[in-house]
Amino acid sequence: MDRELFEAALTGDVQKLHQLLLRNPLFLQTAALSSAANPLHVASAYGHIHFVKEIIRLKPEYAKEVNQDDFSSMHVASANGYVEIVRELIKVDPTLCLLQGRDKKTPLHCAAIKGRGDVISEMLSACPDCAKYVTVQRETALHLAVKNNQFEGIRVLLDWIRDMKKESILNMKDEQGNTVLHLRKVEKSNVQVMELLFGNGVTGPQLLEVNATDQSVLTALDVLLIFPSKAGDREIKEILRSARAMRKIDIIPSSTNDNQIFVNTPATTEGHGRPLQQRPTDLEDYFKFKKDRDSPGEARNALLIIAVLVATATFQAGMNPPGGVWQDNGTSINNKNKVGSSILGSVNAVTYGIFMASNSIGFALSLHMIYILTHNFPLQLELQVCMLAMFSTYNTAVPNLAPEKLWLFLTVLTAILPEIIPFLTKWVRTYMKRIGKLVVNIIPTTRFQMLT
């Protein structure tokens, strides 16, 4: 941008702008070629309403241009709370409220982040559709206002949602599955925010889905209990409880359809309308994995820990077999003993063979599980080299610890296990599925025959 034009926009000097145009009537057109920013961006950032009006009159297309940060003049004015400039820009084109800048933020998003209530009200009146636009993280303006504790912005948005009957916006989720009630995971909400969401007749539990779950299958109450803050938790918990909020494990699945809709049960309540926590009657069933309760990520992490523990235990057992190893060469009752070979293998070859075969299968399976569970992890090549080196160490040590009569058997077994384990597990899984389907088909037929 020309230095003189920049100074005029920076100070809001309309007279200087006219002087530049008298000198060169095409001054604004040529200035647009020299920089991504234009004088309307600068004037909007500093709130010079008269300069903005004059630029819009002379070159209204400037209103749709974006600067080097991908933000328009409407974005800049909204973030700074210059409501008069926002009105002037809306007069040019109300759809300017829908322009998406960096991270797909609209001017309404910028106003919500800063809590500019007047600007939010102006844009919602001119362009109601802008309330449904989301950022690249799928956050609505209400998400951003709650995350940044902008009480005025939250109040204006909730009033508009109530008046326009746009309750669906209240329960929209971001890319992590967070509703506005889940945002304590991201930014600690405080009591005033929760009171705005539930109090003063603006909204309430009949509009907000207080038991909606995020991607981790957590409700808002779960988030509060799992991610405690230093203060305000008790008050927030009281607000959520009074709105009939529940933990995920306390929500009973309805069997009315195959999709298992989760519902609250009014009968299981205590004082002040708080749901009672249902105590499990069968601890074994309570701790079993459930698809509708436990997230795949948590299951993967648990399996990975188990696989690592099994790999550690079996590797150690392979390196240090039961009974230890011979410390020197010698002759036992039936065998010649070699230093470093297994004592158990020399005394009872069958028992040692069964033990080492079972141990090797467990070791191979644990490494196979680690490979599957870490697929597409970073540093994949290094991880695979580590597992290959560990298996090579095991394959080298186990046959050399065995007595001569078991050397060939254990050498072949440890060599072929990595190749056959994937196919073997796949075959067993497929076979078990077929058996399960066969049982499902046989049982109804048997019951029918018994009835007839």
Protein backbone atom coordinates (compact mmCIF):
# COMPACT_ATOMS: atom_id res chain seq x y z
CA MET A 1 0.00 0.00 0.00
CA ASP A 2 1.17 3.51 -0.78
CA ARG A 3 2.71 5.19 2.30
CA GLU A 4 0.57 8.33 2.00
CA LEU A 5 -2.62 6.31 1.60
CA PHE A 6 -1.64 4.18 4.61
CA GLU A 7 -1.09 7.28 6.76
CA ALA A 8 -4.45 8.70 5.67
CA ALA A 9 -6.22 5.48 6.60
CA LEU A 10 -4.30 5.21 9.87
CA THR A 11 -5.37 8.68 10.98
CA GLY A 12 -8.79 8.65 9.28
CA ASP A 13 -7.89 11.76 7.26
CA VAL A 14 -10.62 12.00 4.61
CA GLN A 15 -9.28 15.32 3.31
CA LYS A 16 -5.90 13.78 2.55
CA LEU A 17 -7.64 10.94 0.73
CA HIS A 18 -9.39 13.49 -1.52
CA GLN A 19 -6.08 15.23 -2.19
CA LEU A 20 -4.53 11.95 -3.31
CA LEU A 21 -7.49 11.32 -5.61
CA LEU A 22 -7.23 14.82 -7.10
CA ARG A 23 -3.61 14.11 -7.89
CA ASN A 24 -4.50 10.74 -9.42
CA PRO A 25 -8.18 9.75 -9.93
CA LEU A 26 -7.11 6.10 -10.34
CA PHE A 27 -5.15 6.15 -7.11
CA LEU A 28 -7.36 3.59 -5.31
CA GLN A 29 -7.30 1.22 -8.29
CA THR A 30 -3.50 1.25 -8.55
CA ALA A 31 -3.12 0.95 -4.76
CA ALA A 32 -5.04 -2.34 -4.86
CA LEU A 33 -2.29 -3.85 -7.04
CA SER A 34 0.58 -3.11 -4.68
CA SER A 35 -0.52 -4.91 -1.50
CA ALA A 36 -2.94 -7.52 -0.16
CA ALA A 37 -4.11 -5.03 2.48
CA ASN A 38 -6.24 -2.06 1.51
CA PRO A 39 -7.06 1.24 3.28
CA LEU A 40 -10.42 -0.15 4.37
CA HIS A 41 -8.66 -2.79 6.51
CA VAL A 42 -6.55 -0.14 8.24
CA ALA A 43 -9.43 2.27 8.84
CA SER A 44 -11.63 -0.56 10.14
CA ALA A 45 -8.92 -1.62 12.59
CA TYR A 46 -8.75 1.91 14.05
CA GLY A 47 -12.47 2.67 13.98
CA HIS A 48 -12.40 5.63 11.56
CA ILE A 49 -16.06 5.52 10.51
CA HIS A 50 -16.01 8.56 8.19
CA PHE A 51 -12.97 7.30 6.32
CA VAL A 52 -14.63 3.87 6.01
CA LYS A 53 -17.80 5.44 4.58
CA GLU A 54 -15.81 7.37 2.01
CA ILE A 55 -13.78 4.33 0.91
CA ILE A 56 -16.97 2.25 0.61
CA ARG A 57 -18.56 5.00 -1.50
CA LEU A 58 -15.55 5.22 -3.78
CA LYS A 59 -14.60 1.56 -4.01
CA PRO A 60 -17.18 -0.81 -2.41
CA GLU A 61 -15.38 -3.92 -3.72
CA TYR A 62 -12.69 -3.32 -1.08
CA ALA A 63 -15.18 -4.71 1.47
CA LYS A 64 -14.78 -8.24 0.10
CA GLU A 65 -10.99 -8.24 -0.09
CA VAL A 66 -8.89 -9.99 2.53
CA ASN A 67 -5.52 -9.01 3.98
CA GLN A 68 -2.37 -11.12 4.32
CA ASP A 69 -3.96 -12.93 7.27
CA ASP A 70 -7.04 -13.88 5.19
CA PHE A 71 -9.32 -11.54 7.14
CA SER A 72 -11.70 -9.00 5.63
CA SER A 73 -12.56 -5.53 6.91
CA MET A 74 -15.69 -7.05 8.47
CA HIS A 75 -13.51 -9.48 10.46
CA VAL A 76 -11.30 -6.63 11.68
CA ALA A 77 -14.18 -4.34 12.66
CA SER A 78 -16.05 -7.19 14.38
CA ALA A 79 -13.09 -8.25 16.48
CA ASN A 80 -12.54 -4.64 17.59
CA GLY A 81 -16.23 -4.05 18.35
CA TYR A 82 -16.77 -1.17 15.92
CA VAL A 83 -20.50 -1.65 15.45
CA GLU A 84 -21.00 1.45 13.25
CA ILE A 85 -18.42 0.20 10.76
CA VAL A 86 -20.08 -3.22 10.81
CA ARG A 87 -23.42 -1.56 9.95
CA GLU A 88 -21.85 0.30 7.02
CA LEU A 89 -20.28 -2.86 5.68
CA ILE A 90 -23.58 -4.75 6.03
CA LYS A 91 -25.22 -2.04 3.89
CA VAL A 92 -22.77 -2.91 1.13
CA ASP A 93 -23.64 -6.62 1.30
CA PRO A 94 -25.16 -8.55 4.25
CA THR A 95 -23.39 -11.72 3.08
CA LEU A 96 -20.11 -10.16 4.19
CA CYS A 97 -21.03 -11.71 7.54
CA LEU A 98 -20.45 -15.11 5.95
CA LEU A 99 -16.92 -14.47 4.71
CA GLN A 100 -14.54 -17.11 6.06
CA GLY A 101 -11.00 -16.14 6.94
CA ARG A 102 -8.15 -18.03 8.60
CA ASP A 103 -9.31 -21.35 10.10
CA LYS A 104 -12.70 -20.68 8.43
CA LYS A 105 -13.55 -18.04 11.04
CA THR A 106 -16.40 -15.70 10.09
CA PRO A 107 -16.79 -12.14 11.46
CA LEU A 108 -19.35 -13.54 13.94
CA HIS A 109 -16.69 -15.92 15.28
CA CYS A 110 -14.28 -13.02 15.76
CA ALA A 111 -16.94 -11.02 17.60
CA ALA A 112 -17.82 -14.01 19.81
CA ILE A 113 -14.18 -14.57 20.80
CA LYS A 114 -13.98 -10.95 21.99
CA GLY A 115 -17.51 -10.86 23.41
CA ARG A 116 -18.72 -7.97 21.21
CA GLY A 117 -22.42 -8.20 22.04
CA ASP A 118 -23.57 -5.24 19.90
CA VAL A 119 -21.71 -6.53 16.87
CA ILE A 120 -23.08 -10.06 17.36
CA SER A 121 -26.64 -8.71 17.58
CA GLU A 122 -26.15 -6.58 14.45
CA MET A 123 -24.83 -9.46 12.35
CA LEU A 124 -27.46 -11.96 13.52
CA SER A 125 -30.19 -9.48 12.59
CA ALA A 126 -28.75 -8.84 9.15
CA CYS A 127 -27.70 -12.40 8.33
CA PRO A 128 -29.21 -15.14 10.56
CA ASP A 129 -27.46 -17.89 8.58
CA CYS A 130 -24.07 -16.84 9.99
CA ALA A 131 -24.98 -18.46 13.34
CA LYS A 132 -24.74 -21.93 11.76
CA TYR A 133 -21.25 -21.46 10.31
CA VAL A 134 -18.42 -23.36 12.02
CA THR A 135 -14.64 -23.01 12.09
CA VAL A 136 -12.18 -25.58 10.80
CA GLN A 137 -12.50 -27.23 14.26
CA ARG A 138 -16.30 -27.21 13.75
CA GLU A 139 -16.79 -24.66 16.54
CA THR A 140 -19.84 -22.40 16.49
CA ALA A 141 -19.84 -18.81 17.73
CA LEU A 142 -21.39 -20.09 20.96
CA HIS A 143 -18.52 -22.57 21.42
CA LEU A 144 -15.99 -19.76 21.04
CA ALA A 145 -17.85 -17.40 23.40
CA VAL A 146 -18.06 -20.11 26.10
CA LYS A 147 -14.41 -21.12 25.67
CA ASN A 148 -13.33 -17.52 26.16
CA ASN A 149 -15.77 -16.80 29.04
CA GLN A 150 -17.38 -13.94 27.13
CA PHE A 151 -20.56 -13.45 29.16
CA GLU A 152 -22.04 -10.65 27.04
CA GLY A 153 -21.49 -12.62 23.85
CA ILE A 154 -23.04 -15.75 25.38
CA ARG A 155 -26.07 -13.79 26.62
CA VAL A 156 -26.73 -12.18 23.21
CA LEU A 157 -26.34 -15.49 21.38
CA LEU A 158 -28.65 -17.32 23.80
CA ASP A 159 -31.29 -14.57 23.58
CA TRP A 160 -31.22 -14.79 19.79
CA ILE A 161 -31.39 -18.62 19.84
CA ARG A 162 -34.43 -18.45 22.13
CA ASP A 163 -36.21 -15.74 20.10
CA MET A 164 -35.54 -17.37 16.74
CA LYS A 165 -36.20 -20.91 18.04
CA LYS A 166 -32.81 -22.15 16.82
CA GLU A 167 -32.32 -24.67 19.65
CA SER A 168 -30.36 -27.03 17.38
CA ILE A 169 -27.41 -24.61 17.53
CA LEU A 170 -27.21 -25.12 21.31
CA ASN A 171 -26.36 -28.79 20.90
CA MET A 172 -23.97 -28.62 17.94
CA LYS A 173 -20.68 -30.45 18.49
CA ASP A 174 -17.14 -29.55 17.46
CA GLU A 175 -14.70 -32.00 15.86
CA GLN A 176 -13.97 -33.54 19.28
CA GLY A 177 -17.68 -34.09 19.92
CA ASN A 178 -17.82 -31.28 22.50
CA THR A 179 -21.05 -29.42 23.12
CA VAL A 180 -20.81 -26.10 24.97
CA LEU A 181 -21.20 -28.04 28.23
CA HIS A 182 -18.09 -30.16 27.53
CA LEU A 183 -15.70 -27.26 27.13
CA ARG A 184 -14.13 -27.62 30.57
CA LYS A 185 -11.74 -30.07 28.88
CA VAL A 186 -10.45 -27.28 26.66
CA GLU A 187 -10.84 -24.14 28.73
CA LYS A 188 -12.00 -24.03 32.38
CA SER A 189 -15.53 -22.69 32.32
CA ASN A 190 -16.70 -20.91 35.47
CA VAL A 191 -19.92 -20.69 37.42
CA GLN A 192 -21.14 -17.52 35.67
CA VAL A 193 -20.98 -19.24 32.27
CA MET A 194 -23.00 -22.19 33.54
CA GLU A 195 -25.56 -19.84 35.10
CA LEU A 196 -25.90 -18.07 31.76
CA LEU A 197 -26.50 -21.39 30.01
CA PHE A 198 -29.13 -22.59 32.50
CA GLY A 199 -30.46 -19.53 34.32
CA ASN A 200 -32.60 -16.46 33.87
CA GLY A 201 -35.09 -18.21 31.61
CA VAL A 202 -32.78 -17.92 28.61
CA THR A 203 -32.40 -21.63 28.10
CA GLY A 204 -32.60 -24.77 30.20
CA PRO A 205 -32.33 -28.54 30.34
CA GLN A 206 -35.34 -28.91 28.08
CA LEU A 207 -33.27 -27.25 25.31
CA LEU A 208 -29.73 -28.28 26.15
CA GLU A 209 -28.87 -31.96 25.78
CA VAL A 210 -27.19 -32.20 29.19
CA ASN A 211 -26.30 -35.88 28.72
CA ALA A 212 -24.83 -35.66 25.22
CA THR A 213 -21.51 -37.49 24.88
CA ASP A 214 -18.29 -36.46 23.15
CA GLN A 215 -15.86 -38.63 21.17
CA SER A 216 -14.52 -40.11 24.41
CA VAL A 217 -18.10 -41.07 25.34
CA LEU A 218 -18.12 -38.63 28.26
CA THR A 219 -21.04 -36.50 29.37
CA ALA A 220 -20.62 -32.97 30.73
CA LEU A 221 -20.81 -34.35 34.27
CA ASP A 222 -18.09 -36.91 33.45
CA VAL A 223 -15.85 -34.09 32.22
CA LEU A 224 -16.46 -32.12 35.42
CA LEU A 225 -15.51 -35.10 37.62
CA ILE A 226 -12.54 -36.28 35.54
CA PHE A 227 -11.01 -32.83 34.92
CA PRO A 228 -11.51 -30.97 38.22
CA SER A 229 -10.54 -27.30 38.60
CA LYS A 230 -9.44 -25.43 41.70
CA ALA A 231 -12.72 -23.67 42.41
CA GLY A 232 -16.34 -23.60 41.35
CA ASP A 233 -16.72 -27.34 40.79
CA ARG A 234 -19.29 -27.75 43.55
CA GLU A 235 -21.51 -24.95 42.19
CA ILE A 236 -21.22 -26.23 38.63
CA LYS A 237 -22.00 -29.76 39.77
CA GLU A 238 -25.14 -28.45 41.55
CA ILE A 239 -26.24 -26.67 38.36
CA LEU A 240 -25.70 -29.78 36.24
CA ARG A 241 -27.40 -32.06 38.75
CA SER A 242 -30.43 -29.75 38.96
CA ALA A 243 -30.61 -29.98 35.15
CA ARG A 244 -30.74 -33.80 35.51
CA ALA A 245 -27.20 -34.31 34.19
CA MET A 246 -25.83 -37.82 34.61
CA ARG A 247 -22.61 -39.74 34.20
CA LYS A 248 -22.37 -42.06 31.22
CA ILE A 249 -22.35 -45.20 33.37
CA ASP A 250 -25.57 -44.06 35.07
CA ILE A 251 -27.49 -43.71 31.81
CA ILE A 252 -29.63 -46.75 31.06
CA PRO A 253 -29.74 -47.89 27.41
CA SER A 254 -33.25 -48.12 26.07
CA SER A 255 -34.02 -51.33 24.15
CA THR A 256 -36.73 -49.76 22.02
CA ASN A 257 -34.58 -49.98 18.90
CA ASP A 258 -31.30 -51.32 17.61
CA ASN A 259 -29.47 -47.99 17.92
CA GLN A 260 -29.80 -47.89 21.77
CA ILE A 261 -31.00 -44.38 22.51
CA PHE A 262 -29.82 -43.25 25.94
CA VAL A 263 -32.48 -41.79 28.21
CA ASN A 264 -32.74 -40.41 31.75
CA THR A 265 -34.81 -42.30 34.30
CA PRO A 266 -36.89 -39.95 36.50
CA ALA A 267 -37.64 -42.74 38.98
CA THR A 268 -34.03 -43.05 40.11
CA THR A 269 -33.68 -39.65 41.74
CA GLU A 270 -32.94 -38.29 45.15
CA GLY A 271 -33.43 -34.87 46.72
CA HIS A 272 -33.36 -31.80 44.44
CA GLY A 273 -33.98 -33.97 41.40
CA ARG A 274 -30.50 -35.57 41.42
CA PRO A 275 -30.23 -38.95 39.73
CA LEU A 276 -29.04 -41.74 41.98
CA GLN A 277 -25.89 -43.53 40.90
CA GLN A 278 -26.85 -47.04 39.92
CA ARG A 279 -24.64 -49.53 41.68
CA PRO A 280 -23.60 -52.51 39.58
CA THR A 281 -25.08 -55.79 40.74
CA ASP A 282 -22.52 -57.87 38.82
CA LEU A 283 -18.95 -56.56 39.10
CA GLU A 284 -17.70 -58.92 36.39
CA ASP A 285 -20.25 -57.59 33.91
CA TYR A 286 -19.62 -54.00 35.09
CA PHE A 287 -15.91 -54.11 34.20
CA LYS A 288 -16.36 -55.82 30.83
CA PHE A 289 -15.64 -53.83 27.68
CA LYS A 290 -18.79 -52.23 26.25
CA LYS A 291 -18.84 -50.59 22.83
CA ASP A 292 -21.41 -47.96 23.81
CA ARG A 293 -19.43 -46.96 26.93
CA ASP A 294 -15.70 -47.47 26.33
CA SER A 295 -13.88 -45.63 23.56
CA PRO A 296 -11.73 -47.53 21.00
CA GLY A 297 -8.74 -45.40 21.99
CA GLU A 298 -8.93 -46.50 25.61
CA ALA A 299 -9.32 -50.14 24.56
CA ARG A 300 -6.28 -49.88 22.26
CA ASN A 301 -4.16 -48.36 25.04
CA ALA A 302 -5.19 -51.11 27.46
CA LEU A 303 -4.41 -53.82 24.88
CA LEU A 304 -1.06 -52.24 24.12
CA ILE A 305 -0.10 -52.26 27.81
CA ILE A 306 -1.14 -55.91 28.14
CA ALA A 307 0.80 -56.88 25.00
CA VAL A 308 3.94 -55.14 26.27
CA LEU A 309 3.65 -56.89 29.65
CA VAL A 310 3.23 -60.29 27.96
CA ALA A 311 6.19 -59.62 25.64
CA THR A 312 8.35 -58.65 28.63
CA ALA A 313 7.36 -61.70 30.68
CA THR A 314 7.78 -64.22 27.86
CA PHE A 315 11.09 -62.71 26.70
CA GLN A 316 12.43 -62.94 30.26
CA ALA A 317 11.23 -66.56 30.60
CA GLY A 318 12.92 -67.45 27.31
CA MET A 319 16.23 -65.91 28.40
CA ASN A 320 16.07 -67.41 31.93
CA PRO A 321 14.22 -70.76 31.76
CA PRO A 322 12.95 -72.43 34.96
CA GLY A 323 15.71 -74.12 36.95
CA GLY A 324 18.44 -71.98 35.43
CA VAL A 325 21.30 -73.16 33.20
CA TRP A 326 24.34 -75.37 33.68
CA GLN A 327 27.36 -73.41 34.86
CA ASP A 328 29.95 -75.85 33.51
CA ASN A 329 30.29 -78.85 31.25
CA GLY A 330 29.56 -82.23 32.80
CA THR A 331 27.54 -85.39 32.70
CA SER A 332 24.15 -85.92 34.42
CA ILE A 333 22.35 -89.26 34.82
CA ASN A 334 21.20 -89.53 31.20
CA ASN A 335 22.73 -86.61 29.34
CA LYS A 336 25.90 -84.71 28.65
CA ASN A 337 25.49 -81.22 30.03
CA LYS A 338 26.71 -78.21 28.07
CA VAL A 339 27.55 -74.97 29.85
CA GLY A 340 24.73 -72.42 29.30
CA SER A 341 22.09 -75.03 28.44
CA SER A 342 18.84 -75.43 30.40
CA ILE A 343 18.90 -77.66 33.46
CA LEU A 344 15.18 -78.43 33.05
CA GLY A 345 15.75 -79.38 29.39
CA SER A 346 18.44 -81.84 30.37
CA VAL A 347 16.37 -83.41 33.17
CA ASN A 348 12.92 -83.44 31.45
CA ALA A 349 13.01 -82.62 27.76
CA VAL A 350 9.24 -83.04 27.21
CA THR A 351 8.29 -80.59 29.95
CA TYR A 352 10.87 -78.10 28.75
CA GLY A 353 9.67 -78.42 25.14
CA ILE A 354 6.04 -77.78 26.10
CA PHE A 355 7.03 -74.83 28.28
CA MET A 356 9.21 -73.20 25.65
CA ALA A 357 6.71 -73.82 22.82
CA SER A 358 3.92 -72.16 24.82
CA ASN A 359 6.21 -69.30 25.82
CA SER A 360 7.29 -68.74 22.22
CA ILE A 361 3.67 -68.63 21.01
CA GLY A 362 2.82 -66.04 23.68
CA PHE A 363 5.88 -63.97 22.76
CA ALA A 364 5.09 -64.06 19.03
CA LEU A 365 1.43 -63.17 19.62
CA SER A 366 2.33 -60.24 21.87
CA LEU A 367 4.68 -58.80 19.24
CA HIS A 368 1.98 -59.31 16.60
CA MET A 369 -0.49 -57.36 18.78
CA ILE A 370 2.05 -54.56 19.30
CA TYR A 371 2.56 -54.36 15.54
CA ILE A 372 -1.19 -54.08 14.87
CA LEU A 373 -1.88 -51.58 17.67
CA THR A 374 1.01 -49.29 16.69
CA HIS A 375 0.27 -49.35 12.95
CA ASN A 376 0.59 -45.85 11.42
CA PHE A 377 2.36 -44.56 14.53
CA PRO A 378 5.26 -42.14 13.89
CA LEU A 379 8.78 -43.65 13.68
CA GLN A 380 7.21 -46.82 12.31
CA LEU A 381 10.44 -48.05 10.69
CA GLU A 382 12.42 -47.69 13.91
CA LEU A 383 9.73 -49.50 15.88
CA GLN A 384 9.66 -52.44 13.46
CA VAL A 385 13.45 -52.70 13.52
CA CYS A 386 13.30 -52.83 17.36
CA MET A 387 10.75 -55.66 17.30
CA LEU A 388 12.71 -57.55 14.65
CA ALA A 389 15.90 -57.24 16.71
CA MET A 390 14.11 -58.43 19.84
CA PHE A 391 12.64 -61.45 18.04
CA SER A 392 16.05 -62.27 16.51
CA THR A 393 17.58 -62.16 20.00
CA TYR A 394 14.89 -64.52 21.27
CA ASN A 395 15.26 -66.88 18.29
CA THR A 396 19.02 -67.03 18.80
CA ALA A 397 18.93 -67.60 22.55
CA VAL A 398 16.12 -70.18 22.88
CA PRO A 399 17.62 -72.94 20.64
CA ASN A 400 21.04 -72.46 22.21
CA LEU A 401 19.61 -72.89 25.71
CA ALA A 402 17.87 -76.14 24.71
CA PRO A 403 19.42 -79.60 24.96
CA GLU A 404 20.62 -81.16 21.70
CA LYS A 405 17.50 -83.32 21.25
CA LEU A 406 15.24 -80.19 21.23
CA TRP A 407 17.54 -77.89 19.26
CA LEU A 408 16.00 -78.57 15.83
CA PHE A 409 12.40 -78.44 17.12
CA LEU A 410 12.81 -75.06 18.85
CA THR A 411 14.85 -73.61 15.99
CA VAL A 412 12.11 -74.42 13.47
CA LEU A 413 9.31 -73.33 15.83
CA THR A 414 10.78 -69.91 16.68
CA ALA A 415 11.65 -69.32 13.00
CA ILE A 416 8.19 -70.01 11.57
CA LEU A 417 6.04 -68.42 14.30
CA PRO A 418 6.29 -64.82 12.97
CA GLU A 419 5.03 -66.00 9.57
CA ILE A 420 2.19 -68.27 10.69
CA ILE A 421 0.82 -66.25 13.65
CA PRO A 422 -1.03 -63.61 11.52
CA PHE A 423 -2.63 -66.27 9.30
CA LEU A 424 -3.40 -68.54 12.24
CA THR A 425 -5.14 -65.82 14.27
CA LYS A 426 -7.15 -64.72 11.21
CA TRP A 427 -8.24 -68.30 10.50
CA VAL A 428 -9.25 -68.94 14.13
CA ARG A 429 -11.23 -65.67 14.27
CA THR A 430 -13.07 -66.51 11.02
CA TYR A 431 -13.77 -70.06 12.23
CA MET A 432 -15.16 -68.81 15.56
CA LYS A 433 -17.47 -66.38 13.74
CA ARG A 434 -18.83 -69.23 11.63
CA ILE A 435 -19.41 -71.33 14.75
CA GLY A 436 -21.18 -68.38 16.39
CA LYS A 437 -23.51 -67.91 13.39
CA LEU A 438 -24.22 -71.63 13.32
CA VAL A 439 -25.19 -71.60 17.01
CA VAL A 440 -27.43 -68.55 16.49
CA ASN A 441 -29.22 -70.32 13.64
CA ILE A 442 -29.56 -73.65 15.51
CA ILE A 443 -30.99 -72.29 18.79
CA PRO A 444 -34.21 -70.79 17.31
CA THR A 445 -34.80 -73.98 15.32
CA THR A 446 -34.36 -76.10 18.46
CA ARG A 447 -36.73 -73.91 20.45
CA PHE A 448 -39.34 -74.14 17.66
CA GLN A 449 -39.07 -77.96 17.65
CA MET A 450 -39.51 -78.07 21.43
CA LEU A 451 -42.64 -75.92 21.22
CA THR A 452 -44.15 -78.03 18.48
